[in-house]
């Protein structure tokens, strides 16, 4: 929009803390973040009405998120092999967004197979929960989406990795037509 129309922006503000939890096999690193997001672009504000049945536009869309990454187990003090876990959660106002709540969690193990110290096995899942207000006013068939992922990253050379990945997504795009 530098050359026409109004300027637009989306702002993210984040604070993080990095921790190292002591363990018998060395410190377990972790990162904990909290942030906010502000999006002033006008969008329908469901539950309000302009008199003709259309929702009013609102440009005050603000939300927050949490993000945690933590190594839970380290095989030995000299390496980075071991088990890690993550969790993410995000919220946006239900009156303005099709997806109001999102969370994901998962774990990965680096070096699980002896002799394959750089290979990584991981599993994760996420859920994008549909806003009941958006569903009521705009898209009754929208329920949200849930996904699962299993992957194994194989380091073939220092510069080359192959990662087979299996994903299962229920109600892709959030629409269920049962």
N, C-alpha and C. Protein backbone atom coordinates (compact mmCIF):
# COMPACT_ATOMS: atom_id res chain seq x y z
N UNK A 1 0.81 -1.20 0.00
CA UNK A 1 0.00 0.00 0.00
C UNK A 1 0.85 1.26 0.00
N UNK A 2 2.13 1.15 -0.33
CA UNK A 2 3.02 2.31 -0.32
C UNK A 2 2.62 3.35 -1.37
N UNK A 3 1.95 2.94 -2.43
CA UNK A 3 1.68 3.85 -3.53
C UNK A 3 0.19 4.17 -3.72
N UNK A 4 -0.67 3.54 -2.97
CA UNK A 4 -2.09 3.81 -3.09
C UNK A 4 -2.80 3.34 -1.82
N UNK A 5 -3.99 3.80 -1.60
CA UNK A 5 -4.84 3.40 -0.48
C UNK A 5 -4.17 3.75 0.86
N UNK A 6 -4.78 3.28 1.94
CA UNK A 6 -4.27 3.54 3.28
C UNK A 6 -3.14 2.58 3.62
N UNK A 7 -2.23 3.04 4.45
CA UNK A 7 -1.18 2.17 4.94
C UNK A 7 -1.76 1.17 5.94
N UNK A 8 -1.24 0.00 5.96
CA UNK A 8 -1.71 -1.04 6.88
C UNK A 8 -0.51 -1.66 7.59
N UNK A 9 -0.75 -2.18 8.77
CA UNK A 9 0.29 -2.87 9.51
C UNK A 9 -0.35 -3.90 10.40
N UNK A 10 0.42 -4.87 10.82
CA UNK A 10 0.05 -5.81 11.85
C UNK A 10 1.21 -5.80 12.82
N UNK A 11 0.95 -5.61 14.11
CA UNK A 11 2.02 -5.51 15.10
C UNK A 11 2.06 -6.71 16.02
N UNK A 12 3.25 -7.23 16.21
CA UNK A 12 3.49 -8.31 17.17
C UNK A 12 4.47 -7.80 18.22
N UNK A 13 4.20 -8.05 19.47
CA UNK A 13 5.07 -7.65 20.56
C UNK A 13 5.27 -8.88 21.44
N UNK A 14 6.53 -9.23 21.67
CA UNK A 14 6.82 -10.50 22.34
C UNK A 14 7.90 -10.31 23.40
N UNK A 15 7.75 -11.03 24.49
CA UNK A 15 8.77 -11.11 25.53
C UNK A 15 9.12 -12.58 25.71
N UNK A 16 10.38 -12.86 25.91
CA UNK A 16 10.75 -14.25 26.11
C UNK A 16 11.77 -14.39 27.24
N UNK A 17 11.80 -15.57 27.80
CA UNK A 17 12.74 -15.93 28.84
C UNK A 17 13.38 -17.24 28.42
N UNK A 18 14.68 -17.29 28.47
CA UNK A 18 15.41 -18.52 28.17
C UNK A 18 15.88 -19.10 29.50
N UNK A 19 15.66 -20.39 29.68
CA UNK A 19 16.02 -21.04 30.94
C UNK A 19 16.94 -22.23 30.66
N UNK A 20 17.65 -22.64 31.68
CA UNK A 20 18.49 -23.85 31.63
C UNK A 20 18.24 -24.59 32.94
N UNK A 21 17.49 -25.67 32.87
CA UNK A 21 17.15 -26.45 34.06
C UNK A 21 18.27 -27.46 34.31
N UNK A 22 18.84 -27.48 35.51
CA UNK A 22 19.91 -28.42 35.80
C UNK A 22 19.41 -29.87 35.75
N UNK A 23 20.26 -30.77 35.26
CA UNK A 23 19.94 -32.19 35.26
C UNK A 23 21.26 -32.96 35.41
N UNK A 24 21.22 -34.24 35.75
CA UNK A 24 22.45 -35.03 35.92
C UNK A 24 23.29 -35.12 34.63
N UNK A 25 22.66 -34.96 33.47
CA UNK A 25 23.40 -35.08 32.21
C UNK A 25 23.61 -33.73 31.53
N UNK A 26 23.47 -32.66 32.26
CA UNK A 26 23.70 -31.32 31.70
C UNK A 26 22.43 -30.49 31.69
N UNK A 27 22.62 -29.20 31.51
CA UNK A 27 21.49 -28.26 31.53
C UNK A 27 20.51 -28.56 30.40
N UNK A 28 19.24 -28.42 30.72
CA UNK A 28 18.15 -28.63 29.75
C UNK A 28 17.63 -27.25 29.32
N UNK A 29 17.94 -26.82 28.08
CA UNK A 29 17.52 -25.49 27.64
C UNK A 29 16.03 -25.41 27.36
N UNK A 30 15.48 -24.23 27.57
CA UNK A 30 14.07 -23.98 27.27
C UNK A 30 13.86 -22.52 26.93
N UNK A 31 12.78 -22.24 26.25
CA UNK A 31 12.42 -20.87 25.90
C UNK A 31 10.92 -20.72 26.13
N UNK A 32 10.55 -19.66 26.84
CA UNK A 32 9.16 -19.39 27.19
C UNK A 32 8.83 -17.99 26.68
N UNK A 33 7.78 -17.89 25.85
CA UNK A 33 7.43 -16.62 25.23
C UNK A 33 5.96 -16.30 25.45
N UNK A 34 5.69 -15.01 25.58
CA UNK A 34 4.33 -14.51 25.62
C UNK A 34 4.30 -13.30 24.70
N UNK A 35 3.23 -13.18 23.95
CA UNK A 35 3.17 -12.07 23.00
C UNK A 35 1.75 -11.61 22.75
N UNK A 36 1.67 -10.44 22.15
CA UNK A 36 0.39 -9.88 21.74
C UNK A 36 0.46 -9.56 20.26
N UNK A 37 -0.70 -9.50 19.66
CA UNK A 37 -0.79 -9.13 18.25
C UNK A 37 -1.92 -8.10 18.12
N UNK A 38 -1.69 -7.13 17.24
CA UNK A 38 -2.72 -6.13 16.97
C UNK A 38 -2.83 -5.98 15.47
N UNK A 39 -4.06 -6.10 14.96
CA UNK A 39 -4.32 -6.00 13.53
C UNK A 39 -5.43 -4.98 13.32
N UNK A 40 -5.10 -3.77 12.81
CA UNK A 40 -6.12 -2.73 12.68
C UNK A 40 -6.93 -2.78 11.39
N UNK A 41 -6.70 -3.81 10.56
CA UNK A 41 -7.47 -3.88 9.30
C UNK A 41 -8.95 -4.08 9.61
N UNK A 42 -9.83 -3.30 8.98
CA UNK A 42 -11.26 -3.45 9.24
C UNK A 42 -11.75 -4.85 8.83
N UNK A 43 -12.52 -5.45 9.69
CA UNK A 43 -13.13 -6.74 9.40
C UNK A 43 -14.50 -6.81 10.07
N UNK A 44 -15.36 -7.69 9.59
CA UNK A 44 -16.70 -7.77 10.18
C UNK A 44 -16.63 -8.11 11.67
N UNK A 45 -17.44 -7.41 12.44
CA UNK A 45 -17.57 -7.66 13.87
C UNK A 45 -18.93 -8.31 14.07
N UNK A 46 -18.95 -9.64 14.11
CA UNK A 46 -20.20 -10.40 14.19
C UNK A 46 -20.88 -10.14 15.53
N UNK A 47 -22.18 -10.02 15.48
CA UNK A 47 -22.96 -9.70 16.66
C UNK A 47 -23.34 -8.23 16.69
N UNK A 48 -22.75 -7.42 15.78
CA UNK A 48 -23.18 -6.03 15.61
C UNK A 48 -23.92 -5.94 14.29
N UNK A 49 -24.67 -4.90 14.10
CA UNK A 49 -25.53 -4.81 12.91
C UNK A 49 -25.56 -3.37 12.42
N UNK A 50 -25.48 -3.18 11.10
CA UNK A 50 -25.53 -1.83 10.53
C UNK A 50 -26.96 -1.39 10.24
N UNK A 51 -27.93 -2.17 10.63
CA UNK A 51 -29.33 -1.85 10.38
C UNK A 51 -29.89 -2.60 9.19
N UNK A 52 -29.03 -3.07 8.30
CA UNK A 52 -29.46 -3.86 7.13
C UNK A 52 -29.08 -5.32 7.27
N UNK A 53 -28.70 -5.74 8.46
CA UNK A 53 -28.36 -7.14 8.69
C UNK A 53 -26.90 -7.48 8.44
N UNK A 54 -26.11 -6.48 8.03
CA UNK A 54 -24.67 -6.72 7.81
C UNK A 54 -23.91 -6.34 9.07
N UNK A 55 -22.84 -7.11 9.41
CA UNK A 55 -22.06 -6.75 10.60
C UNK A 55 -21.28 -5.46 10.35
N UNK A 56 -21.11 -4.68 11.41
CA UNK A 56 -20.28 -3.48 11.33
C UNK A 56 -18.82 -3.89 11.17
N UNK A 57 -18.02 -3.01 10.59
CA UNK A 57 -16.58 -3.27 10.46
C UNK A 57 -15.87 -2.71 11.68
N UNK A 58 -14.88 -3.45 12.13
CA UNK A 58 -14.11 -3.05 13.31
C UNK A 58 -12.64 -3.29 13.00
N UNK A 59 -11.78 -2.37 13.38
CA UNK A 59 -10.35 -2.51 13.13
C UNK A 59 -9.56 -2.63 14.42
N UNK A 60 -10.16 -3.19 15.44
CA UNK A 60 -9.48 -3.32 16.73
C UNK A 60 -9.30 -4.79 17.09
N UNK A 61 -8.66 -5.53 16.24
CA UNK A 61 -8.46 -6.97 16.44
C UNK A 61 -7.15 -7.20 17.18
N UNK A 62 -7.23 -7.56 18.44
CA UNK A 62 -6.03 -7.80 19.26
C UNK A 62 -6.14 -9.19 19.88
N UNK A 63 -5.01 -9.85 20.00
CA UNK A 63 -4.98 -11.18 20.60
C UNK A 63 -3.68 -11.40 21.35
N UNK A 64 -3.50 -12.60 21.85
CA UNK A 64 -2.27 -12.93 22.56
C UNK A 64 -1.88 -14.37 22.26
N UNK A 65 -0.66 -14.70 22.59
CA UNK A 65 -0.19 -16.07 22.40
C UNK A 65 0.86 -16.42 23.45
N UNK A 66 0.99 -17.73 23.67
CA UNK A 66 2.01 -18.30 24.55
C UNK A 66 2.77 -19.34 23.75
N UNK A 67 4.05 -19.49 24.02
CA UNK A 67 4.85 -20.47 23.31
C UNK A 67 5.93 -20.99 24.26
N UNK A 68 5.98 -22.29 24.42
CA UNK A 68 6.97 -22.92 25.31
C UNK A 68 7.72 -24.00 24.56
N UNK A 69 9.04 -24.01 24.69
CA UNK A 69 9.89 -25.08 24.18
C UNK A 69 10.79 -25.50 25.34
N UNK A 70 10.87 -26.80 25.60
CA UNK A 70 11.70 -27.25 26.72
C UNK A 70 12.31 -28.61 26.42
N UNK A 71 13.61 -28.71 26.60
CA UNK A 71 14.25 -30.02 26.54
C UNK A 71 13.94 -30.71 27.86
N UNK A 72 13.47 -31.95 27.80
CA UNK A 72 13.07 -32.68 29.00
C UNK A 72 14.11 -33.71 29.44
N UNK A 73 14.90 -34.19 28.50
CA UNK A 73 15.90 -35.23 28.81
C UNK A 73 17.08 -35.07 27.87
N UNK A 74 18.27 -35.13 28.40
CA UNK A 74 19.51 -35.06 27.62
C UNK A 74 20.27 -36.37 27.84
N UNK A 75 20.69 -36.99 26.74
CA UNK A 75 21.39 -38.28 26.84
C UNK A 75 22.74 -38.14 27.54
N UNK A 76 23.50 -37.09 27.17
CA UNK A 76 24.81 -36.90 27.79
C UNK A 76 25.16 -35.42 27.78
N UNK A 77 26.11 -35.01 28.65
CA UNK A 77 26.43 -33.59 28.76
C UNK A 77 27.08 -33.00 27.50
N UNK A 78 27.73 -33.82 26.68
CA UNK A 78 28.48 -33.30 25.54
C UNK A 78 27.62 -33.08 24.30
N UNK A 79 26.46 -33.70 24.20
CA UNK A 79 25.67 -33.61 22.97
C UNK A 79 24.33 -32.95 23.16
N UNK A 80 23.59 -32.87 22.05
CA UNK A 80 22.24 -32.29 22.11
C UNK A 80 21.17 -33.35 21.84
N UNK A 81 21.54 -34.63 21.96
CA UNK A 81 20.56 -35.69 21.79
C UNK A 81 19.66 -35.76 23.03
N UNK A 82 18.39 -36.02 22.76
CA UNK A 82 17.46 -36.15 23.86
C UNK A 82 16.04 -35.81 23.44
N UNK A 83 15.20 -35.66 24.44
CA UNK A 83 13.77 -35.45 24.25
C UNK A 83 13.41 -33.99 24.51
N UNK A 84 12.68 -33.40 23.57
CA UNK A 84 12.18 -32.03 23.73
C UNK A 84 10.68 -31.99 23.57
N UNK A 85 10.05 -30.95 24.13
CA UNK A 85 8.60 -30.79 24.08
C UNK A 85 8.28 -29.34 23.76
N UNK A 86 7.16 -29.10 23.05
CA UNK A 86 6.71 -27.73 22.81
C UNK A 86 5.21 -27.64 23.01
N UNK A 87 4.76 -26.43 23.30
CA UNK A 87 3.33 -26.13 23.43
C UNK A 87 3.12 -24.71 22.93
N UNK A 88 2.05 -24.48 22.18
CA UNK A 88 1.69 -23.16 21.67
C UNK A 88 0.18 -22.94 21.88
N UNK A 89 -0.17 -21.72 22.23
CA UNK A 89 -1.59 -21.36 22.33
C UNK A 89 -1.74 -19.94 21.82
N UNK A 90 -2.80 -19.69 21.05
CA UNK A 90 -3.09 -18.35 20.57
C UNK A 90 -4.57 -18.06 20.65
N UNK A 91 -4.90 -16.81 20.92
CA UNK A 91 -6.30 -16.38 21.03
C UNK A 91 -6.50 -15.10 20.21
N UNK A 92 -7.61 -15.04 19.49
CA UNK A 92 -8.07 -13.83 18.80
C UNK A 92 -9.56 -13.69 19.12
N UNK A 93 -10.10 -12.49 19.10
CA UNK A 93 -11.51 -12.27 19.47
C UNK A 93 -12.48 -13.10 18.63
N UNK A 94 -13.38 -13.77 19.31
CA UNK A 94 -14.37 -14.64 18.65
C UNK A 94 -15.33 -13.85 17.76
N UNK A 95 -15.53 -12.58 18.06
CA UNK A 95 -16.48 -11.76 17.31
C UNK A 95 -15.94 -11.36 15.94
N UNK A 96 -14.61 -11.51 15.72
CA UNK A 96 -14.00 -10.99 14.50
C UNK A 96 -13.22 -12.04 13.71
N UNK A 97 -13.05 -13.22 14.25
CA UNK A 97 -12.18 -14.21 13.62
C UNK A 97 -12.85 -15.56 13.52
N UNK A 98 -12.64 -16.20 12.40
CA UNK A 98 -13.18 -17.54 12.17
C UNK A 98 -12.57 -18.53 13.16
N UNK A 99 -11.26 -18.38 13.43
CA UNK A 99 -10.58 -19.21 14.41
C UNK A 99 -10.21 -18.32 15.58
N UNK A 100 -10.75 -18.62 16.75
CA UNK A 100 -10.50 -17.80 17.93
C UNK A 100 -9.43 -18.41 18.82
N UNK A 101 -9.37 -19.72 18.88
CA UNK A 101 -8.40 -20.41 19.73
C UNK A 101 -7.60 -21.39 18.88
N UNK A 102 -6.30 -21.41 19.10
CA UNK A 102 -5.43 -22.35 18.40
C UNK A 102 -4.42 -22.88 19.41
N UNK A 103 -4.21 -24.18 19.39
CA UNK A 103 -3.13 -24.71 20.21
C UNK A 103 -2.45 -25.84 19.47
N UNK A 104 -1.21 -26.07 19.84
CA UNK A 104 -0.45 -27.18 19.30
C UNK A 104 0.53 -27.66 20.35
N UNK A 105 0.86 -28.93 20.28
CA UNK A 105 1.83 -29.51 21.19
C UNK A 105 2.52 -30.67 20.49
N UNK A 106 3.68 -31.00 20.96
CA UNK A 106 4.39 -32.10 20.35
C UNK A 106 5.71 -32.36 21.05
N UNK A 107 6.33 -33.43 20.62
CA UNK A 107 7.61 -33.83 21.19
C UNK A 107 8.49 -34.37 20.07
N UNK A 108 9.79 -34.28 20.29
CA UNK A 108 10.73 -34.88 19.35
C UNK A 108 11.91 -35.44 20.12
N UNK A 109 12.49 -36.48 19.55
CA UNK A 109 13.67 -37.10 20.16
C UNK A 109 14.78 -37.09 19.12
N UNK A 110 15.89 -36.47 19.47
CA UNK A 110 17.05 -36.41 18.59
C UNK A 110 18.03 -37.50 19.02
N UNK A 111 18.43 -38.35 18.06
CA UNK A 111 19.39 -39.40 18.35
C UNK A 111 18.80 -40.63 19.02
N UNK A 112 17.57 -40.94 18.73
CA UNK A 112 16.89 -42.08 19.36
C UNK A 112 17.54 -43.42 18.99
N UNK A 113 17.93 -43.56 17.73
CA UNK A 113 18.53 -44.82 17.26
C UNK A 113 20.05 -44.74 17.44
N UNK A 114 20.66 -45.71 18.12
CA UNK A 114 22.11 -45.69 18.31
C UNK A 114 22.85 -45.56 16.98
N UNK A 115 23.84 -44.66 16.94
CA UNK A 115 24.61 -44.44 15.73
C UNK A 115 23.98 -43.41 14.79
N UNK A 116 22.76 -42.99 15.06
CA UNK A 116 22.06 -41.99 14.22
C UNK A 116 21.80 -40.74 15.09
N UNK A 117 22.88 -40.13 15.58
CA UNK A 117 22.78 -39.05 16.56
C UNK A 117 22.09 -37.79 16.05
N UNK A 118 22.08 -37.55 14.75
CA UNK A 118 21.47 -36.33 14.21
C UNK A 118 20.06 -36.56 13.66
N UNK A 119 19.59 -37.80 13.64
CA UNK A 119 18.22 -38.09 13.19
C UNK A 119 17.23 -37.63 14.26
N UNK A 120 16.02 -37.25 13.82
CA UNK A 120 15.01 -36.75 14.75
C UNK A 120 13.68 -37.43 14.46
N UNK A 121 13.06 -38.00 15.49
CA UNK A 121 11.72 -38.57 15.42
C UNK A 121 10.80 -37.60 16.15
N UNK A 122 9.68 -37.22 15.51
CA UNK A 122 8.79 -36.27 16.15
C UNK A 122 7.32 -36.58 15.93
N UNK A 123 6.52 -36.12 16.86
CA UNK A 123 5.06 -36.22 16.75
C UNK A 123 4.48 -34.90 17.26
N UNK A 124 3.46 -34.40 16.56
CA UNK A 124 2.81 -33.16 16.98
C UNK A 124 1.33 -33.23 16.63
N UNK A 125 0.55 -32.40 17.29
CA UNK A 125 -0.86 -32.25 16.96
C UNK A 125 -1.26 -30.80 17.19
N UNK A 126 -2.28 -30.38 16.46
CA UNK A 126 -2.79 -29.02 16.62
C UNK A 126 -4.31 -29.03 16.51
N UNK A 127 -4.90 -28.00 17.05
CA UNK A 127 -6.35 -27.80 16.91
C UNK A 127 -6.60 -26.31 16.70
N UNK A 128 -7.30 -25.99 15.63
CA UNK A 128 -7.76 -24.64 15.33
C UNK A 128 -9.26 -24.65 15.60
N UNK A 129 -9.67 -24.06 16.70
CA UNK A 129 -11.06 -24.14 17.14
C UNK A 129 -11.88 -23.01 16.54
N UNK A 130 -12.97 -23.38 15.92
CA UNK A 130 -13.84 -22.39 15.28
C UNK A 130 -14.59 -21.55 16.28
N UNK A 131 -14.79 -20.29 15.94
CA UNK A 131 -15.54 -19.37 16.77
C UNK A 131 -17.04 -19.64 16.62
N UNK A 132 -17.71 -19.84 17.74
CA UNK A 132 -19.15 -20.09 17.67
C UNK A 132 -19.91 -18.86 17.17
N UNK A 133 -19.40 -17.67 17.44
CA UNK A 133 -20.06 -16.44 16.96
C UNK A 133 -19.94 -16.35 15.44
N UNK A 134 -18.74 -16.60 14.91
CA UNK A 134 -18.55 -16.59 13.45
C UNK A 134 -19.44 -17.66 12.80
N UNK A 135 -19.51 -18.83 13.42
CA UNK A 135 -20.34 -19.92 12.89
C UNK A 135 -21.81 -19.50 12.86
N UNK A 136 -22.28 -18.87 13.90
CA UNK A 136 -23.68 -18.48 13.99
C UNK A 136 -24.05 -17.42 12.96
N UNK A 137 -23.16 -16.46 12.72
CA UNK A 137 -23.49 -15.34 11.84
C UNK A 137 -23.02 -15.50 10.40
N UNK A 138 -22.00 -16.34 10.15
CA UNK A 138 -21.41 -16.34 8.82
C UNK A 138 -21.30 -17.72 8.16
N UNK A 139 -20.83 -18.72 8.89
CA UNK A 139 -20.56 -20.01 8.26
C UNK A 139 -20.94 -21.14 9.22
N UNK A 140 -22.21 -21.56 9.22
CA UNK A 140 -22.67 -22.57 10.18
C UNK A 140 -21.93 -23.90 10.07
N UNK A 141 -21.37 -24.19 8.89
CA UNK A 141 -20.69 -25.47 8.71
C UNK A 141 -19.24 -25.45 9.15
N UNK A 142 -18.71 -24.29 9.60
CA UNK A 142 -17.31 -24.19 10.00
C UNK A 142 -17.15 -24.62 11.46
N UNK A 143 -16.34 -25.66 11.67
CA UNK A 143 -16.15 -26.18 13.02
C UNK A 143 -14.71 -26.08 13.51
N UNK A 144 -13.78 -25.87 12.63
CA UNK A 144 -12.38 -25.88 13.03
C UNK A 144 -11.69 -27.09 12.42
N UNK A 145 -10.42 -27.23 12.76
CA UNK A 145 -9.59 -28.26 12.13
C UNK A 145 -8.64 -28.83 13.17
N UNK A 146 -8.37 -30.12 13.08
CA UNK A 146 -7.40 -30.78 13.94
C UNK A 146 -6.45 -31.57 13.07
N UNK A 147 -5.17 -31.52 13.41
CA UNK A 147 -4.19 -32.23 12.62
C UNK A 147 -3.17 -32.96 13.49
N UNK A 148 -2.63 -34.02 12.93
CA UNK A 148 -1.61 -34.84 13.59
C UNK A 148 -0.47 -35.04 12.62
N UNK A 149 0.75 -35.05 13.12
CA UNK A 149 1.91 -35.21 12.26
C UNK A 149 2.93 -36.12 12.92
N UNK A 150 3.47 -37.04 12.12
CA UNK A 150 4.54 -37.93 12.55
C UNK A 150 5.64 -37.82 11.51
N UNK A 151 6.86 -37.57 11.94
CA UNK A 151 7.96 -37.43 10.98
C UNK A 151 9.24 -38.07 11.53
N UNK A 152 10.12 -38.40 10.60
CA UNK A 152 11.45 -38.88 10.97
C UNK A 152 12.45 -38.21 10.03
N UNK A 153 13.31 -37.37 10.59
CA UNK A 153 14.29 -36.63 9.83
C UNK A 153 15.60 -37.43 9.81
N UNK A 154 16.03 -37.81 8.62
CA UNK A 154 17.23 -38.64 8.44
C UNK A 154 18.35 -37.77 7.89
N UNK A 155 19.43 -37.64 8.66
CA UNK A 155 20.56 -36.87 8.15
C UNK A 155 21.45 -37.80 7.33
N UNK A 156 21.44 -37.59 6.01
CA UNK A 156 22.22 -38.40 5.08
C UNK A 156 23.66 -37.90 5.05
N UNK A 157 23.85 -36.60 5.01
CA UNK A 157 25.16 -35.96 5.06
C UNK A 157 25.00 -34.68 5.88
N UNK A 158 26.10 -34.04 6.25
CA UNK A 158 26.01 -32.82 7.04
C UNK A 158 25.14 -31.76 6.37
N UNK A 159 25.08 -31.78 5.07
CA UNK A 159 24.37 -30.78 4.29
C UNK A 159 23.09 -31.31 3.64
N UNK A 160 22.70 -32.57 3.94
CA UNK A 160 21.55 -33.18 3.25
C UNK A 160 20.72 -34.00 4.23
N UNK A 161 19.44 -33.65 4.32
CA UNK A 161 18.50 -34.34 5.22
C UNK A 161 17.25 -34.72 4.45
N UNK A 162 16.75 -35.92 4.71
CA UNK A 162 15.48 -36.39 4.14
C UNK A 162 14.50 -36.55 5.30
N UNK A 163 13.27 -36.06 5.11
CA UNK A 163 12.29 -36.13 6.19
C UNK A 163 10.96 -36.68 5.69
N UNK A 164 10.76 -37.99 5.80
CA UNK A 164 9.41 -38.52 5.54
C UNK A 164 8.45 -37.97 6.60
N UNK A 165 7.24 -37.63 6.18
CA UNK A 165 6.31 -36.95 7.05
C UNK A 165 4.90 -37.45 6.74
N UNK A 166 4.19 -37.85 7.76
CA UNK A 166 2.80 -38.28 7.60
C UNK A 166 1.93 -37.30 8.37
N UNK A 167 0.91 -36.76 7.69
CA UNK A 167 -0.03 -35.85 8.34
C UNK A 167 -1.45 -36.34 8.13
N UNK A 168 -2.24 -36.25 9.18
CA UNK A 168 -3.66 -36.56 9.12
C UNK A 168 -4.40 -35.32 9.60
N UNK A 169 -5.32 -34.82 8.78
CA UNK A 169 -6.06 -33.61 9.12
C UNK A 169 -7.55 -33.94 9.09
N UNK A 170 -8.21 -33.71 10.22
CA UNK A 170 -9.65 -33.90 10.26
C UNK A 170 -10.33 -32.58 9.90
N UNK A 171 -11.32 -32.65 9.07
CA UNK A 171 -12.06 -31.47 8.59
C UNK A 171 -11.12 -30.41 8.01
N UNK A 172 -10.36 -30.75 6.94
CA UNK A 172 -9.45 -29.77 6.34
C UNK A 172 -10.19 -28.48 5.98
N UNK A 173 -9.58 -27.37 6.33
CA UNK A 173 -10.20 -26.07 6.07
C UNK A 173 -11.26 -25.72 7.11
N UNK A 174 -11.55 -26.64 8.03
CA UNK A 174 -12.48 -26.37 9.11
C UNK A 174 -13.93 -26.66 8.80
N UNK A 175 -14.21 -27.17 7.60
CA UNK A 175 -15.61 -27.40 7.25
C UNK A 175 -15.93 -28.88 7.33
N UNK A 176 -16.98 -29.18 8.09
CA UNK A 176 -17.42 -30.56 8.17
C UNK A 176 -18.83 -30.64 7.60
N UNK A 177 -19.03 -31.60 6.72
CA UNK A 177 -20.32 -31.74 6.05
C UNK A 177 -20.91 -33.11 6.36
N UNK A 178 -21.06 -33.39 7.65
CA UNK A 178 -21.59 -34.70 8.06
C UNK A 178 -23.04 -34.85 7.66
